[in-house]
N, C-alpha and C. Protein backbone atom coordinates (compact mmCIF):
# COMPACT_ATOMS: atom_id res chain seq x y z
N MET A 1 14.78 -9.31 -15.88
CA MET A 1 15.16 -7.94 -15.62
C MET A 1 13.97 -7.17 -15.07
N LEU A 2 14.23 -6.33 -14.11
CA LEU A 2 13.18 -5.55 -13.49
C LEU A 2 12.80 -4.36 -14.36
N SER A 3 11.52 -4.17 -14.54
CA SER A 3 11.08 -2.97 -15.24
C SER A 3 10.74 -1.92 -14.19
N TYR A 4 11.02 -0.68 -14.52
CA TYR A 4 10.75 0.40 -13.59
C TYR A 4 9.27 0.55 -13.32
N LEU A 5 8.45 0.28 -14.32
CA LEU A 5 7.01 0.37 -14.14
C LEU A 5 6.52 -0.67 -13.12
N MET A 6 7.12 -1.85 -13.16
CA MET A 6 6.73 -2.90 -12.21
C MET A 6 7.16 -2.54 -10.79
N ILE A 7 8.36 -1.98 -10.66
CA ILE A 7 8.85 -1.58 -9.33
C ILE A 7 7.96 -0.50 -8.74
N VAL A 8 7.66 0.52 -9.54
CA VAL A 8 6.83 1.63 -9.05
C VAL A 8 5.42 1.15 -8.74
N SER A 9 4.87 0.29 -9.57
CA SER A 9 3.51 -0.20 -9.33
C SER A 9 3.44 -1.05 -8.07
N THR A 10 4.40 -1.93 -7.88
CA THR A 10 4.41 -2.76 -6.67
C THR A 10 4.60 -1.89 -5.42
N LEU A 11 5.46 -0.90 -5.52
CA LEU A 11 5.65 0.02 -4.40
C LEU A 11 4.38 0.79 -4.10
N CYS A 12 3.69 1.26 -5.12
CA CYS A 12 2.45 2.02 -4.91
C CYS A 12 1.35 1.14 -4.32
N ILE A 13 1.25 -0.09 -4.79
CA ILE A 13 0.24 -1.01 -4.26
C ILE A 13 0.55 -1.34 -2.80
N SER A 14 1.81 -1.54 -2.48
CA SER A 14 2.19 -1.82 -1.09
C SER A 14 1.96 -0.60 -0.21
N TYR A 15 2.24 0.59 -0.72
CA TYR A 15 1.98 1.82 0.03
C TYR A 15 0.48 1.95 0.31
N LEU A 16 -0.32 1.66 -0.69
CA LEU A 16 -1.77 1.71 -0.51
C LEU A 16 -2.22 0.70 0.55
N ALA A 17 -1.64 -0.49 0.53
CA ALA A 17 -2.02 -1.53 1.50
C ALA A 17 -1.64 -1.10 2.92
N PHE A 18 -0.42 -0.61 3.11
CA PHE A 18 -0.01 -0.17 4.44
C PHE A 18 -0.81 1.05 4.88
N GLY A 19 -1.18 1.90 3.94
CA GLY A 19 -2.04 3.03 4.28
C GLY A 19 -3.40 2.58 4.78
N CYS A 20 -3.97 1.57 4.13
CA CYS A 20 -5.26 1.02 4.59
C CYS A 20 -5.13 0.41 5.98
N LEU A 21 -4.05 -0.32 6.20
CA LEU A 21 -3.85 -0.92 7.52
C LEU A 21 -3.64 0.15 8.59
N ALA A 22 -2.96 1.25 8.22
CA ALA A 22 -2.77 2.33 9.18
C ALA A 22 -4.09 3.04 9.47
N LEU A 23 -4.91 3.23 8.45
CA LEU A 23 -6.20 3.90 8.66
C LEU A 23 -7.19 3.01 9.40
N ALA A 24 -6.96 1.72 9.43
CA ALA A 24 -7.83 0.83 10.19
C ALA A 24 -7.67 1.05 11.69
N MET A 25 -6.58 1.69 12.10
CA MET A 25 -6.35 1.99 13.51
C MET A 25 -7.10 3.26 13.89
N PHE A 26 -7.67 3.26 15.07
CA PHE A 26 -8.51 4.37 15.54
C PHE A 26 -7.78 5.70 15.53
N SER A 27 -6.58 5.75 16.08
CA SER A 27 -5.89 7.02 16.25
C SER A 27 -5.48 7.63 14.90
N ASN A 28 -5.01 6.80 13.98
CA ASN A 28 -4.63 7.33 12.67
C ASN A 28 -5.84 7.83 11.89
N PHE A 29 -6.92 7.10 11.95
CA PHE A 29 -8.14 7.51 11.26
C PHE A 29 -8.65 8.83 11.82
N ARG A 30 -8.65 8.94 13.13
CA ARG A 30 -9.13 10.17 13.78
C ARG A 30 -8.24 11.37 13.45
N ASP A 31 -6.93 11.15 13.40
CA ASP A 31 -6.02 12.25 13.07
C ASP A 31 -6.23 12.77 11.65
N ILE A 32 -6.58 11.90 10.74
CA ILE A 32 -6.72 12.30 9.34
C ILE A 32 -8.12 12.83 9.04
N PHE A 33 -9.15 12.16 9.52
CA PHE A 33 -10.52 12.50 9.14
C PHE A 33 -11.30 13.23 10.23
N LYS A 34 -10.71 13.46 11.38
CA LYS A 34 -11.33 14.20 12.49
C LYS A 34 -12.61 13.56 13.01
N GLN A 35 -12.73 12.28 12.85
CA GLN A 35 -13.85 11.53 13.43
C GLN A 35 -13.42 10.09 13.64
N ALA A 36 -14.12 9.43 14.50
CA ALA A 36 -13.79 8.03 14.79
C ALA A 36 -14.33 7.13 13.68
N PRO A 37 -13.59 6.08 13.33
CA PRO A 37 -14.12 5.16 12.32
C PRO A 37 -15.21 4.28 12.90
N THR A 38 -16.17 3.96 12.08
CA THR A 38 -17.17 2.99 12.52
C THR A 38 -16.52 1.61 12.49
N PRO A 39 -17.08 0.65 13.19
CA PRO A 39 -16.51 -0.71 13.13
C PRO A 39 -16.47 -1.28 11.71
N LEU A 40 -17.47 -0.94 10.90
CA LEU A 40 -17.48 -1.41 9.52
C LEU A 40 -16.34 -0.79 8.72
N GLN A 41 -16.10 0.50 8.90
CA GLN A 41 -14.99 1.16 8.21
C GLN A 41 -13.65 0.56 8.64
N SER A 42 -13.50 0.34 9.92
CA SER A 42 -12.25 -0.21 10.43
C SER A 42 -11.99 -1.61 9.87
N ARG A 43 -13.01 -2.45 9.89
CA ARG A 43 -12.86 -3.81 9.35
C ARG A 43 -12.61 -3.79 7.85
N SER A 44 -13.32 -2.91 7.14
CA SER A 44 -13.15 -2.82 5.69
C SER A 44 -11.74 -2.38 5.33
N LEU A 45 -11.22 -1.39 6.03
CA LEU A 45 -9.86 -0.94 5.78
C LEU A 45 -8.84 -2.03 6.11
N TYR A 46 -9.08 -2.73 7.20
CA TYR A 46 -8.18 -3.82 7.61
C TYR A 46 -8.10 -4.90 6.54
N TRP A 47 -9.25 -5.38 6.10
CA TRP A 47 -9.25 -6.47 5.13
C TRP A 47 -8.81 -6.00 3.74
N SER A 48 -9.15 -4.78 3.37
CA SER A 48 -8.68 -4.29 2.08
C SER A 48 -7.17 -4.12 2.09
N GLY A 49 -6.60 -3.74 3.23
CA GLY A 49 -5.15 -3.66 3.34
C GLY A 49 -4.48 -5.01 3.14
N TRP A 50 -5.01 -6.03 3.80
CA TRP A 50 -4.42 -7.36 3.65
C TRP A 50 -4.61 -7.92 2.25
N LEU A 51 -5.78 -7.67 1.65
CA LEU A 51 -6.00 -8.16 0.29
C LEU A 51 -5.11 -7.43 -0.72
N THR A 52 -4.85 -6.16 -0.48
CA THR A 52 -3.96 -5.41 -1.36
C THR A 52 -2.52 -5.89 -1.20
N LEU A 53 -2.13 -6.23 0.02
CA LEU A 53 -0.79 -6.83 0.20
C LEU A 53 -0.69 -8.16 -0.52
N ALA A 54 -1.75 -8.95 -0.49
CA ALA A 54 -1.76 -10.23 -1.20
C ALA A 54 -1.66 -9.99 -2.71
N LEU A 55 -2.32 -8.95 -3.22
CA LEU A 55 -2.22 -8.61 -4.64
C LEU A 55 -0.79 -8.22 -5.00
N SER A 56 -0.17 -7.44 -4.14
CA SER A 56 1.21 -7.03 -4.38
C SER A 56 2.14 -8.24 -4.41
N TYR A 57 1.95 -9.17 -3.50
CA TYR A 57 2.76 -10.39 -3.47
C TYR A 57 2.52 -11.22 -4.73
N TYR A 58 1.27 -11.34 -5.13
CA TYR A 58 0.95 -12.11 -6.34
C TYR A 58 1.62 -11.50 -7.57
N LEU A 59 1.57 -10.18 -7.69
CA LEU A 59 2.21 -9.52 -8.84
C LEU A 59 3.72 -9.75 -8.83
N SER A 60 4.33 -9.68 -7.66
CA SER A 60 5.77 -9.89 -7.57
C SER A 60 6.15 -11.32 -7.95
N VAL A 61 5.42 -12.27 -7.44
CA VAL A 61 5.73 -13.68 -7.71
C VAL A 61 5.41 -14.04 -9.16
N SER A 62 4.33 -13.51 -9.69
CA SER A 62 3.99 -13.85 -11.08
C SER A 62 4.97 -13.24 -12.07
N GLU A 63 5.56 -12.12 -11.72
CA GLU A 63 6.52 -11.46 -12.60
C GLU A 63 7.92 -12.09 -12.52
N HIS A 64 8.36 -12.49 -11.31
CA HIS A 64 9.75 -12.90 -11.12
C HIS A 64 9.93 -14.33 -10.62
N GLY A 65 8.87 -15.06 -10.44
CA GLY A 65 9.00 -16.41 -9.90
C GLY A 65 8.96 -16.38 -8.37
N MET A 66 8.83 -17.55 -7.80
CA MET A 66 8.63 -17.65 -6.35
C MET A 66 9.84 -17.16 -5.56
N ALA A 67 11.03 -17.55 -5.93
CA ALA A 67 12.21 -17.21 -5.13
C ALA A 67 12.54 -15.72 -5.21
N TYR A 68 12.77 -15.21 -6.40
CA TYR A 68 13.15 -13.81 -6.53
C TYR A 68 11.98 -12.88 -6.26
N GLY A 69 10.76 -13.30 -6.61
CA GLY A 69 9.58 -12.48 -6.35
C GLY A 69 9.35 -12.23 -4.87
N THR A 70 9.60 -13.24 -4.05
CA THR A 70 9.45 -13.09 -2.61
C THR A 70 10.50 -12.14 -2.04
N ILE A 71 11.72 -12.24 -2.53
CA ILE A 71 12.77 -11.33 -2.08
C ILE A 71 12.45 -9.90 -2.51
N PHE A 72 12.02 -9.74 -3.74
CA PHE A 72 11.64 -8.43 -4.25
C PHE A 72 10.49 -7.84 -3.43
N PHE A 73 9.49 -8.68 -3.14
CA PHE A 73 8.33 -8.25 -2.37
C PHE A 73 8.74 -7.78 -0.98
N THR A 74 9.65 -8.49 -0.35
CA THR A 74 10.12 -8.11 0.98
C THR A 74 10.82 -6.76 0.96
N GLY A 75 11.63 -6.53 -0.06
CA GLY A 75 12.30 -5.24 -0.18
C GLY A 75 11.34 -4.10 -0.43
N VAL A 76 10.36 -4.34 -1.28
CA VAL A 76 9.36 -3.31 -1.55
C VAL A 76 8.52 -3.02 -0.31
N LEU A 77 8.20 -4.06 0.45
CA LEU A 77 7.45 -3.86 1.70
C LEU A 77 8.21 -2.97 2.67
N SER A 78 9.50 -3.17 2.75
CA SER A 78 10.31 -2.34 3.65
C SER A 78 10.25 -0.87 3.26
N VAL A 79 10.38 -0.60 1.98
CA VAL A 79 10.35 0.79 1.52
C VAL A 79 8.96 1.38 1.69
N ALA A 80 7.92 0.63 1.33
CA ALA A 80 6.56 1.15 1.46
C ALA A 80 6.19 1.39 2.92
N GLY A 81 6.58 0.49 3.79
CA GLY A 81 6.32 0.68 5.22
C GLY A 81 7.02 1.91 5.76
N LEU A 82 8.25 2.11 5.35
CA LEU A 82 8.99 3.30 5.78
C LEU A 82 8.32 4.57 5.27
N LEU A 83 7.84 4.56 4.03
CA LEU A 83 7.17 5.74 3.49
C LEU A 83 5.87 6.06 4.23
N VAL A 84 5.11 5.04 4.59
CA VAL A 84 3.88 5.27 5.35
C VAL A 84 4.21 5.80 6.74
N ILE A 85 5.22 5.25 7.38
CA ILE A 85 5.62 5.73 8.71
C ILE A 85 6.06 7.18 8.64
N LEU A 86 6.85 7.53 7.63
CA LEU A 86 7.28 8.93 7.49
C LEU A 86 6.11 9.85 7.19
N THR A 87 5.18 9.39 6.37
CA THR A 87 3.99 10.20 6.09
C THR A 87 3.18 10.43 7.35
N LEU A 88 2.97 9.38 8.13
CA LEU A 88 2.19 9.52 9.37
C LEU A 88 2.93 10.38 10.40
N SER A 89 4.24 10.38 10.37
CA SER A 89 5.00 11.14 11.35
C SER A 89 5.05 12.62 11.02
N TYR A 90 5.19 12.95 9.74
CA TYR A 90 5.44 14.34 9.38
C TYR A 90 4.31 15.03 8.63
N ARG A 91 3.53 14.30 7.86
CA ARG A 91 2.43 14.88 7.08
C ARG A 91 1.19 13.98 7.18
N THR A 92 0.65 13.87 8.35
CA THR A 92 -0.45 12.94 8.61
C THR A 92 -1.64 13.19 7.69
N LYS A 93 -1.99 14.42 7.48
CA LYS A 93 -3.18 14.73 6.70
C LYS A 93 -3.04 14.37 5.22
N PHE A 94 -1.81 14.19 4.77
CA PHE A 94 -1.60 13.88 3.36
C PHE A 94 -1.65 12.39 3.06
N LEU A 95 -1.84 11.55 4.06
CA LEU A 95 -1.84 10.10 3.81
C LEU A 95 -2.93 9.70 2.83
N ALA A 96 -4.14 10.20 3.01
CA ALA A 96 -5.24 9.84 2.11
C ALA A 96 -4.96 10.33 0.68
N ILE A 97 -4.39 11.52 0.55
CA ILE A 97 -4.07 12.05 -0.78
C ILE A 97 -2.99 11.20 -1.44
N PHE A 98 -1.96 10.84 -0.68
CA PHE A 98 -0.90 10.00 -1.22
C PHE A 98 -1.42 8.60 -1.58
N MET A 99 -2.39 8.10 -0.82
CA MET A 99 -2.95 6.79 -1.14
C MET A 99 -3.70 6.82 -2.46
N VAL A 100 -4.46 7.88 -2.70
CA VAL A 100 -5.17 8.02 -3.98
C VAL A 100 -4.16 8.16 -5.12
N SER A 101 -3.11 8.93 -4.89
CA SER A 101 -2.06 9.08 -5.90
C SER A 101 -1.38 7.75 -6.19
N ALA A 102 -1.14 6.95 -5.17
CA ALA A 102 -0.53 5.63 -5.35
C ALA A 102 -1.46 4.71 -6.13
N LEU A 103 -2.75 4.81 -5.88
CA LEU A 103 -3.71 3.99 -6.61
C LEU A 103 -3.70 4.35 -8.09
N VAL A 104 -3.68 5.63 -8.39
CA VAL A 104 -3.66 6.07 -9.79
C VAL A 104 -2.34 5.67 -10.45
N ALA A 105 -1.23 5.84 -9.74
CA ALA A 105 0.08 5.52 -10.32
C ALA A 105 0.25 4.02 -10.57
N SER A 106 -0.37 3.19 -9.75
CA SER A 106 -0.20 1.74 -9.92
C SER A 106 -1.02 1.19 -11.07
N GLN A 107 -1.95 1.95 -11.58
CA GLN A 107 -2.80 1.45 -12.65
C GLN A 107 -2.05 1.24 -13.95
N GLY A 108 -0.94 1.94 -14.15
CA GLY A 108 -0.17 1.78 -15.38
C GLY A 108 0.30 0.35 -15.60
N TYR A 109 0.83 -0.27 -14.56
CA TYR A 109 1.30 -1.65 -14.70
C TYR A 109 0.14 -2.62 -14.80
N LEU A 110 -0.91 -2.39 -14.04
CA LEU A 110 -2.04 -3.31 -14.07
C LEU A 110 -2.74 -3.29 -15.42
N ILE A 111 -2.79 -2.12 -16.05
CA ILE A 111 -3.40 -2.03 -17.37
C ILE A 111 -2.48 -2.63 -18.43
N ALA A 112 -1.16 -2.42 -18.27
CA ALA A 112 -0.20 -2.90 -19.27
C ALA A 112 -0.10 -4.42 -19.29
N THR A 113 -0.41 -5.10 -18.19
CA THR A 113 -0.29 -6.56 -18.18
C THR A 113 -1.57 -7.24 -18.41
């Protein structure tokens, strides 16, 4: 059975990962922070985004098994990607704030397990 804390935590971790991948792009970073990212910042955001996605996948699979965890992960990725796209489309400056909020919200499940 799915726990709501696990769903919210996986969604928040995926949102954080997609946010990092979006900030790794020059135009999104410039729109939010009003300066160009350095190559080190861009690479760091890129790899932290992918590692956070891997963490999200690991949590899904470890909680629900390989078959259902992968399906659950795919659904959560769809929702998190849509939320990042909507944030970038309508409230670009709030992406960094929402990412910090997602990081804080996801800690509940990580601490509980």
